[in-house]
Every structure is written in C-alpha cells, then in structure tokens.
PDB file of N, CA and C in Angstrom:
ATOM      1  N   UNK A   1     167.982 145.171 266.889  1.00  0.00           N
ATOM      2  CA  UNK A   1     168.290 146.050 267.998  1.00  0.00           C
ATOM      3  C   UNK A   1     167.115 146.012 268.970  1.00  0.00           C
ATOM      4  N   UNK A   2     167.404 145.741 270.213  1.00  0.00           N
ATOM      5  CA  UNK A   2     166.323 145.638 271.187  1.00  0.00           C
ATOM      6  C   UNK A   2     165.865 147.017 271.637  1.00  0.00           C
ATOM      7  N   UNK A   3     164.677 147.047 272.185  1.00  0.00           N
ATOM      8  CA  UNK A   3     164.130 148.305 272.677  1.00  0.00           C
ATOM      9  C   UNK A   3     164.975 148.851 273.832  1.00  0.00           C
ATOM     10  N   UNK A   4     165.779 147.988 274.474  1.00  0.00           N
ATOM     11  CA  UNK A   4     166.596 148.375 275.622  1.00  0.00           C
ATOM     12  C   UNK A   4     167.955 148.964 275.217  1.00  0.00           C
ATOM     13  N   UNK A   5     168.366 148.775 273.953  1.00  0.00           N
ATOM     14  CA  UNK A   5     169.670 149.245 273.514  1.00  0.00           C
ATOM     15  C   UNK A   5     169.776 150.754 273.679  1.00  0.00           C
ATOM     16  N   UNK A   6     170.877 151.193 274.284  1.00  0.00           N
ATOM     17  CA  UNK A   6     171.110 152.628 274.490  1.00  0.00           C
ATOM     18  C   UNK A   6     172.560 152.945 274.156  1.00  0.00           C
ATOM     19  N   UNK A   7     172.767 154.137 273.625  1.00  0.00           N
ATOM     20  CA  UNK A   7     174.093 154.629 273.293  1.00  0.00           C
ATOM     21  C   UNK A   7     174.304 155.948 274.012  1.00  0.00           C
ATOM     22  N   UNK A   8     175.500 156.133 274.538  1.00  0.00           N
ATOM     23  CA  UNK A   8     175.839 157.366 275.254  1.00  0.00           C
ATOM     24  C   UNK A   8     176.963 158.048 274.487  1.00  0.00           C
ATOM     25  N   UNK A   9     176.798 159.336 274.195  1.00  0.00           N
ATOM     26  CA  UNK A   9     177.887 160.131 273.640  1.00  0.00           C
ATOM     27  C   UNK A   9     177.759 161.530 274.221  1.00  0.00           C
ATOM     28  N   UNK A  10     178.827 161.930 274.941  1.00  0.00           N
ATOM     29  CA  UNK A  10     178.763 163.188 275.679  1.00  0.00           C
ATOM     30  C   UNK A  10     177.613 163.139 276.669  1.00  0.00           C
ATOM     31  N   UNK A  11     176.835 164.205 276.699  1.00  0.00           N
ATOM     32  CA  UNK A  11     175.665 164.265 277.581  1.00  0.00           C
ATOM     33  C   UNK A  11     174.396 163.753 276.901  1.00  0.00           C
ATOM     34  N   UNK A  12     174.561 163.147 275.723  1.00  0.00           N
ATOM     35  CA  UNK A  12     173.427 162.597 274.994  1.00  0.00           C
ATOM     36  C   UNK A  12     173.256 161.123 275.321  1.00  0.00           C
ATOM     37  N   UNK A  13     172.012 160.698 275.380  1.00  0.00           N
ATOM     38  CA  UNK A  13     171.662 159.283 275.514  1.00  0.00           C
ATOM     39  C   UNK A  13     170.678 158.989 274.389  1.00  0.00           C
ATOM     40  N   UNK A  14     171.033 158.020 273.570  1.00  0.00           N
ATOM     41  CA  UNK A  14     170.252 157.700 272.385  1.00  0.00           C
ATOM     42  C   UNK A  14     169.645 156.319 272.540  1.00  0.00           C
ATOM     43  N   UNK A  15     168.331 156.238 272.431  1.00  0.00           N
ATOM     44  CA  UNK A  15     167.577 154.995 272.586  1.00  0.00           C
ATOM     45  C   UNK A  15     166.824 154.728 271.282  1.00  0.00           C
ATOM     46  N   UNK A  16     167.500 154.122 270.302  1.00  0.00           N
ATOM     47  CA  UNK A  16     166.843 153.949 268.999  1.00  0.00           C
ATOM     48  C   UNK A  16     165.571 153.120 269.041  1.00  0.00           C
ATOM     49  N   UNK A  17     165.522 152.088 269.879  1.00  0.00           N
ATOM     50  CA  UNK A  17     164.324 151.256 269.961  1.00  0.00           C
ATOM     51  C   UNK A  17     163.113 152.006 270.475  1.00  0.00           C
ATOM     52  N   UNK A  18     163.356 153.037 271.273  1.00  0.00           N
ATOM     53  CA  UNK A  18     162.269 153.866 271.809  1.00  0.00           C
ATOM     54  C   UNK A  18     162.109 155.160 271.014  1.00  0.00           C
ATOM     55  N   UNK A  19     162.897 155.304 269.958  1.00  0.00           N
ATOM     56  CA  UNK A  19     162.925 156.515 269.144  1.00  0.00           C
ATOM     57  C   UNK A  19     163.067 157.755 270.020  1.00  0.00           C
ATOM     58  N   UNK A  20     164.116 157.735 270.868  1.00  0.00           N
ATOM     59  CA  UNK A  20     164.329 158.852 271.787  1.00  0.00           C
ATOM     60  C   UNK A  20     165.792 159.264 271.809  1.00  0.00           C
ATOM     61  N   UNK A  21     166.001 160.573 271.842  1.00  0.00           N
ATOM     62  CA  UNK A  21     167.308 161.157 272.085  1.00  0.00           C
ATOM     63  C   UNK A  21     167.134 162.094 273.257  1.00  0.00           C
ATOM     64  N   UNK A  22     167.974 161.910 274.266  1.00  0.00           N
ATOM     65  CA  UNK A  22     167.917 162.739 275.460  1.00  0.00           C
ATOM     66  C   UNK A  22     169.218 163.512 275.594  1.00  0.00           C
ATOM     67  N   UNK A  23     169.121 164.748 276.051  1.00  0.00           N
ATOM     68  CA  UNK A  23     170.291 165.545 276.371  1.00  0.00           C
ATOM     69  C   UNK A  23     170.151 165.950 277.829  1.00  0.00           C
ATOM     70  N   UNK A  24     171.066 165.466 278.640  1.00  0.00           N
ATOM     71  CA  UNK A  24     171.008 165.691 280.092  1.00  0.00           C
ATOM     72  C   UNK A  24     169.634 165.300 280.627  1.00  0.00           C
ATOM     73  N   UNK A  25     169.109 164.201 280.104  1.00  0.00           N
ATOM     74  CA  UNK A  25     167.841 163.659 280.574  1.00  0.00           C
ATOM     75  C   UNK A  25     166.602 164.273 279.949  1.00  0.00           C
ATOM     76  N   UNK A  26     166.768 165.329 279.143  1.00  0.00           N
ATOM     77  CA  UNK A  26     165.620 165.996 278.526  1.00  0.00           C
ATOM     78  C   UNK A  26     165.475 165.560 277.072  1.00  0.00           C
ATOM     79  N   UNK A  27     164.237 165.331 276.613  1.00  0.00           N
ATOM     80  CA  UNK A  27     164.034 164.887 275.237  1.00  0.00           C
ATOM     81  C   UNK A  27     164.475 165.938 274.216  1.00  0.00           C
ATOM     82  N   UNK A  28     165.034 165.457 273.134  1.00  0.00           N
ATOM     83  CA  UNK A  28     165.439 166.303 272.015  1.00  0.00           C
ATOM     84  C   UNK A  28     164.543 165.953 270.838  1.00  0.00           C
ATOM     85  N   UNK A  29     163.934 166.956 270.256  1.00  0.00           N
ATOM     86  CA  UNK A  29     163.064 166.731 269.106  1.00  0.00           C
ATOM     87  C   UNK A  29     163.875 166.602 267.829  1.00  0.00           C
ATOM     88  N   UNK A  30     163.700 165.509 267.133  1.00  0.00           N
ATOM     89  CA  UNK A  30     164.341 165.298 265.840  1.00  0.00           C
ATOM     90  C   UNK A  30     163.292 164.896 264.825  1.00  0.00           C
ATOM     91  N   UNK A  31     163.518 165.291 263.586  1.00  0.00           N
ATOM     92  CA  UNK A  31     162.650 164.840 262.504  1.00  0.00           C
ATOM     93  C   UNK A  31     162.909 163.373 262.214  1.00  0.00           C
ATOM     94  N   UNK A  32     162.005 162.743 261.528  1.00  0.00           N
ATOM     95  CA  UNK A  32     162.111 161.319 261.233  1.00  0.00           C
ATOM     96  C   UNK A  32     163.366 160.940 260.473  1.00  0.00           C
ATOM     97  N   UNK A  33     163.697 161.688 259.436  1.00  0.00           N
ATOM     98  CA  UNK A  33     164.907 161.388 258.656  1.00  0.00           C
ATOM     99  C   UNK A  33     166.160 161.648 259.486  1.00  0.00           C
ATOM    100  N   UNK A  34     166.156 162.728 260.271  1.00  0.00           N
ATOM    101  CA  UNK A  34     167.302 163.020 261.145  1.00  0.00           C
ATOM    102  C   UNK A  34     167.510 161.858 262.114  1.00  0.00           C
ATOM    103  N   UNK A  35     166.418 161.350 262.645  1.00  0.00           N
ATOM    104  CA  UNK A  35     166.498 160.220 263.577  1.00  0.00           C
ATOM    105  C   UNK A  35     167.055 158.981 262.876  1.00  0.00           C
ATOM    106  N   UNK A  36     166.598 158.730 261.655  1.00  0.00           N
ATOM    107  CA  UNK A  36     167.101 157.576 260.893  1.00  0.00           C
ATOM    108  C   UNK A  36     168.598 157.699 260.631  1.00  0.00           C
ATOM    109  N   UNK A  37     169.029 158.884 260.222  1.00  0.00           N
ATOM    110  CA  UNK A  37     170.455 159.104 259.947  1.00  0.00           C
ATOM    111  C   UNK A  37     171.271 158.902 261.215  1.00  0.00           C
ATOM    112  N   UNK A  38     170.820 159.477 262.328  1.00  0.00           N
ATOM    113  CA  UNK A  38     171.537 159.317 263.594  1.00  0.00           C
ATOM    114  C   UNK A  38     171.584 157.853 264.004  1.00  0.00           C
ATOM    115  N   UNK A  39     170.507 157.135 263.811  1.00  0.00           N
ATOM    116  CA  UNK A  39     170.473 155.711 264.165  1.00  0.00           C
ATOM    117  C   UNK A  39     171.558 154.948 263.415  1.00  0.00           C
ATOM    118  N   UNK A  40     171.632 155.157 262.115  1.00  0.00           N
ATOM    119  CA  UNK A  40     172.637 154.437 261.335  1.00  0.00           C
ATOM    120  C   UNK A  40     174.052 154.836 261.751  1.00  0.00           C
ATOM    121  N   UNK A  41     174.289 156.123 261.934  1.00  0.00           N
ATOM    122  CA  UNK A  41     175.633 156.574 262.296  1.00  0.00           C
ATOM    123  C   UNK A  41     176.061 156.072 263.671  1.00  0.00           C
ATOM    124  N   UNK A  42     175.153 156.098 264.629  1.00  0.00           N
ATOM    125  CA  UNK A  42     175.500 155.657 265.989  1.00  0.00           C
ATOM    126  C   UNK A  42     175.696 154.146 266.047  1.00  0.00           C
ATOM    127  N   UNK A  43     174.833 153.412 265.375  1.00  0.00           N
ATOM    128  CA  UNK A  43     174.962 151.953 265.430  1.00  0.00           C
ATOM    129  C   UNK A  43     176.179 151.460 264.658  1.00  0.00           C
ATOM    130  N   UNK A  44     176.725 152.295 263.796  1.00  0.00           N
ATOM    131  CA  UNK A  44     177.924 151.915 263.037  1.00  0.00           C
ATOM    132  C   UNK A  44     179.105 152.805 263.402  1.00  0.00           C
ATOM    133  N   UNK A  45     179.126 153.282 264.634  1.00  0.00           N
ATOM    134  CA  UNK A  45     180.212 154.155 265.110  1.00  0.00           C
ATOM    135  C   UNK A  45     181.564 153.505 264.846  1.00  0.00           C
ATOM    136  N   UNK A  46     182.495 154.325 264.386  1.00  0.00           N
ATOM    137  CA  UNK A  46     183.832 153.830 264.099  1.00  0.00           C
ATOM    138  C   UNK A  46     183.990 153.272 262.697  1.00  0.00           C
ATOM    139  N   UNK A  47     182.898 153.162 261.972  1.00  0.00           N
ATOM    140  CA  UNK A  47     182.929 152.653 260.594  1.00  0.00           C
ATOM    141  C   UNK A  47     182.679 153.802 259.624  1.00  0.00           C
ATOM    142  N   UNK A  48     183.143 153.643 258.413  1.00  0.00           N
ATOM    143  CA  UNK A  48     182.801 154.577 257.354  1.00  0.00           C
ATOM    144  C   UNK A  48     181.405 154.207 256.859  1.00  0.00           C
ATOM    145  N   UNK A  49     180.511 155.186 256.850  1.00  0.00           N
ATOM    146  CA  UNK A  49     179.143 154.972 256.372  1.00  0.00           C
ATOM    147  C   UNK A  49     179.013 155.725 255.050  1.00  0.00           C
ATOM    148  N   UNK A  50     178.730 155.015 254.002  1.00  0.00           N
ATOM    149  CA  UNK A  50     178.646 155.634 252.679  1.00  0.00           C
ATOM    150  C   UNK A  50     177.331 156.394 252.497  1.00  0.00           C
ATOM    151  N   UNK A  51     177.349 157.296 251.525  1.00  0.00           N
ATOM    152  CA  UNK A  51     176.115 157.989 251.179  1.00  0.00           C
ATOM    153  C   UNK A  51     175.058 156.992 250.737  1.00  0.00           C
ATOM    154  N   UNK A  52     175.479 155.987 249.997  1.00  0.00           N
ATOM    155  CA  UNK A  52     174.523 154.975 249.528  1.00  0.00           C
ATOM    156  C   UNK A  52     173.857 154.275 250.706  1.00  0.00           C
ATOM    157  N   UNK A  53     174.638 153.960 251.741  1.00  0.00           N
ATOM    158  CA  UNK A  53     174.066 153.324 252.936  1.00  0.00           C
ATOM    159  C   UNK A  53     173.070 154.257 253.621  1.00  0.00           C
ATOM    160  N   UNK A  54     173.423 155.538 253.717  1.00  0.00           N
ATOM    161  CA  UNK A  54     172.522 156.514 254.351  1.00  0.00           C
ATOM    162  C   UNK A  54     171.224 156.648 253.558  1.00  0.00           C
ATOM    163  N   UNK A  55     171.332 156.736 252.236  1.00  0.00           N
ATOM    164  CA  UNK A  55     170.128 156.832 251.407  1.00  0.00           C
ATOM    165  C   UNK A  55     169.260 155.592 251.564  1.00  0.00           C
ATOM    166  N   UNK A  56     169.874 154.427 251.532  1.00  0.00           N
ATOM    167  CA  UNK A  56     169.127 153.178 251.650  1.00  0.00           C
ATOM    168  C   UNK A  56     168.420 153.078 252.993  1.00  0.00           C
ATOM    169  N   UNK A  57     169.084 153.516 254.056  1.00  0.00           N
ATOM    170  CA  UNK A  57     168.511 153.412 255.397  1.00  0.00           C
ATOM    171  C   UNK A  57     167.434 154.470 255.650  1.00  0.00           C
ATOM    172  N   UNK A  58     167.719 155.717 255.264  1.00  0.00           N
ATOM    173  CA  UNK A  58     166.790 156.814 255.591  1.00  0.00           C
ATOM    174  C   UNK A  58     165.664 156.978 254.571  1.00  0.00           C
ATOM    175  N   UNK A  59     165.920 156.575 253.333  1.00  0.00           N
ATOM    176  CA  UNK A  59     164.911 156.708 252.281  1.00  0.00           C
ATOM    177  C   UNK A  59     164.737 155.384 251.546  1.00  0.00           C
ATOM    178  N   UNK A  60     164.336 154.336 252.235  1.00  0.00           N
ATOM    179  CA  UNK A  60     164.167 153.052 251.536  1.00  0.00           C
ATOM    180  C   UNK A  60     163.060 153.182 250.487  1.00  0.00           C
ATOM    181  N   UNK A  61     163.288 152.586 249.355  1.00  0.00           N
ATOM    182  CA  UNK A  61     162.292 152.557 248.271  1.00  0.00           C
ATOM    183  C   UNK A  61     162.009 153.921 247.644  1.00  0.00           C
ATOM    184  N   UNK A  62     162.876 154.907 247.895  1.00  0.00           N
ATOM    185  CA  UNK A  62     162.712 156.234 247.291  1.00  0.00           C
ATOM    186  C   UNK A  62     164.007 156.619 246.595  1.00  0.00           C
ATOM    187  N   UNK A  63     163.870 157.390 245.554  1.00  0.00           N
ATOM    188  CA  UNK A  63     165.037 157.989 244.908  1.00  0.00           C
ATOM    189  C   UNK A  63     164.992 159.469 245.267  1.00  0.00           C
ATOM    190  N   UNK A  64     166.029 159.928 245.963  1.00  0.00           N
ATOM    191  CA  UNK A  64     166.073 161.325 246.386  1.00  0.00           C
ATOM    192  C   UNK A  64     167.388 161.945 245.927  1.00  0.00           C
ATOM    193  N   UNK A  65     167.400 163.238 245.864  1.00  0.00           N
ATOM    194  CA  UNK A  65     168.579 163.993 245.434  1.00  0.00           C
ATOM    195  C   UNK A  65     169.584 164.078 246.579  1.00  0.00           C
ATOM    196  N   UNK A  66     170.862 164.172 246.233  1.00  0.00           N
ATOM    197  CA  UNK A  66     171.927 164.305 247.237  1.00  0.00           C
ATOM    198  C   UNK A  66     171.666 165.462 248.194  1.00  0.00           C
ATOM    199  N   UNK A  67     171.008 166.498 247.700  1.00  0.00           N
ATOM    200  CA  UNK A  67     170.721 167.675 248.527  1.00  0.00           C
ATOM    201  C   UNK A  67     169.901 167.307 249.771  1.00  0.00           C
ATOM    202  N   UNK A  68     168.995 166.346 249.643  1.00  0.00           N
ATOM    203  CA  UNK A  68     168.180 165.923 250.793  1.00  0.00           C
ATOM    204  C   UNK A  68     169.061 165.424 251.928  1.00  0.00           C
ATOM    205  N   UNK A  69     170.072 164.637 251.588  1.00  0.00           N
ATOM    206  CA  UNK A  69     170.982 164.124 252.608  1.00  0.00           C
ATOM    207  C   UNK A  69     171.770 165.262 253.238  1.00  0.00           C
ATOM    208  N   UNK A  70     172.269 166.157 252.419  1.00  0.00           N
ATOM    209  CA  UNK A  70     173.045 167.303 252.919  1.00  0.00           C
ATOM    210  C   UNK A  70     172.216 168.145 253.892  1.00  0.00           C
ATOM    211  N   UNK A  71     170.980 168.427 253.530  1.00  0.00           N
ATOM    212  CA  UNK A  71     170.094 169.235 254.383  1.00  0.00           C
ATOM    213  C   UNK A  71     169.817 168.506 255.701  1.00  0.00           C
ATOM    214  N   UNK A  72     169.499 167.226 255.637  1.00  0.00           N
ATOM    215  CA  UNK A  72     169.171 166.481 256.857  1.00  0.00           C
ATOM    216  C   UNK A  72     170.376 166.309 257.776  1.00  0.00           C
ATOM    217  N   UNK A  73     171.542 166.036 257.214  1.00  0.00           N
ATOM    218  CA  UNK A  73     172.740 165.921 258.045  1.00  0.00           C
ATOM    219  C   UNK A  73     173.059 167.285 258.664  1.00  0.00           C
ATOM    220  N   UNK A  74     172.901 168.356 257.898  1.00  0.00           N
ATOM    221  CA  UNK A  74     173.107 169.703 258.434  1.00  0.00           C
ATOM    222  C   UNK A  74     172.160 170.020 259.585  1.00  0.00           C
ATOM    223  N   UNK A  75     170.897 169.663 259.422  1.00  0.00           N
ATOM    224  CA  UNK A  75     169.907 169.887 260.486  1.00  0.00           C
ATOM    225  C   UNK A  75     170.269 169.094 261.740  1.00  0.00           C
ATOM    226  N   UNK A  76     170.682 167.854 261.552  1.00  0.00           N
ATOM    227  CA  UNK A  76     171.057 167.009 262.689  1.00  0.00           C
ATOM    228  C   UNK A  76     172.264 167.591 263.411  1.00  0.00           C
ATOM    229  N   UNK A  77     173.276 167.968 262.673  1.00  0.00           N
ATOM    230  CA  UNK A  77     174.480 168.553 263.284  1.00  0.00           C
ATOM    231  C   UNK A  77     174.138 169.830 264.046  1.00  0.00           C
ATOM    232  N   UNK A  78     173.308 170.678 263.443  1.00  0.00           N
ATOM    233  CA  UNK A  78     172.907 171.927 264.078  1.00  0.00           C
ATOM    234  C   UNK A  78     172.122 171.659 265.364  1.00  0.00           C
ATOM    235  N   UNK A  79     171.217 170.699 265.325  1.00  0.00           N
ATOM    236  CA  UNK A  79     170.417 170.359 266.513  1.00  0.00           C
ATOM    237  C   UNK A  79     171.306 169.901 267.663  1.00  0.00           C
ATOM    238  N   UNK A  80     172.283 169.043 267.365  1.00  0.00           N
ATOM    239  CA  UNK A  80     173.183 168.546 268.408  1.00  0.00           C
ATOM    240  C   UNK A  80     174.092 169.657 268.919  1.00  0.00           C
ATOM    241  N   UNK A  81     174.625 170.482 268.008  1.00  0.00           N
ATOM    242  CA  UNK A  81     175.552 171.544 268.391  1.00  0.00           C
ATOM    243  C   UNK A  81     174.874 172.652 269.191  1.00  0.00           C
ATOM    244  N   UNK A  82     173.585 172.900 268.945  1.00  0.00           N
ATOM    245  CA  UNK A  82     172.862 173.918 269.717  1.00  0.00           C
ATOM    246  C   UNK A  82     172.802 173.523 271.183  1.00  0.00           C
ATOM    247  N   UNK A  83     172.691 172.239 271.458  1.00  0.00           N
ATOM    248  CA  UNK A  83     172.632 171.753 272.827  1.00  0.00           C
ATOM    249  C   UNK A  83     174.027 171.580 273.421  1.00  0.00           C
ATOM    250  N   UNK A  84     174.952 171.117 272.611  1.00  0.00           N
ATOM    251  CA  UNK A  84     176.306 170.853 273.086  1.00  0.00           C
ATOM    252  C   UNK A  84     177.297 171.330 272.021  1.00  0.00           C
ATOM    253  N   UNK A  85     177.849 172.539 272.190  1.00  0.00           N
ATOM    254  CA  UNK A  85     178.761 173.102 271.179  1.00  0.00           C
ATOM    255  C   UNK A  85     179.968 172.218 270.854  1.00  0.00           C
ATOM    256  N   UNK A  86     180.331 171.299 271.728  1.00  0.00           N
ATOM    257  CA  UNK A  86     181.456 170.421 271.433  1.00  0.00           C
ATOM    258  C   UNK A  86     181.115 169.433 270.309  1.00  0.00           C
ATOM    259  N   UNK A  87     179.839 169.354 269.917  1.00  0.00           N
ATOM    260  CA  UNK A  87     179.421 168.448 268.860  1.00  0.00           C
ATOM    261  C   UNK A  87     179.666 169.039 267.475  1.00  0.00           C
ATOM    262  N   UNK A  88     180.120 170.280 267.380  1.00  0.00           N
ATOM    263  CA  UNK A  88     180.356 170.894 266.057  1.00  0.00           C
ATOM    264  C   UNK A  88     181.512 170.245 265.366  1.00  0.00           C
TER     265      UNK A  88
END
C-alpha cells in the first residue's frame, strides 16, 4: 500500500500509509491497535474478515485473549460514532 493510498467513507478520509484518519479534515486520534484493525477492515471492504485475520494483523507474534479484540473493536466503533452517529 503506497503512502498516497486514501479511502473515503462518509465524512472520514483514511490514509493508512500516513497513519492518519481525518473527519471533515480534522485529525482523529486512534490507538495503535484501533488503527491496525481499521486498516485491515478498510483495505478488505466488502470481504468477510475473520477474527484470526484480525488477531494476526493487529497482534502479530502475540497470543492475546478474544476480549482484547472485543475491547478494541468497541473503542474503534465508539470513536467513529462519536464523530458521526451514522457509523453506529
């Protein structure tokens, strides 16, 4: 993925190569794991992404409990929905 690659969804602009998420042009703060999860989900939009794929991408070389994924996905959803309620 090049540094120039950008994804648009709603009023969000996601630039994974620059590790940036913008909402209406303003930066959105995300944690590292939240950013990793969003990167995988956005780059594979329209596909089913398994829990195993999410764990492998966000926690490479680590064994983590399912709860970690649940918490991080919840945080990501909450962060997006706080800015744009249509994201719920």
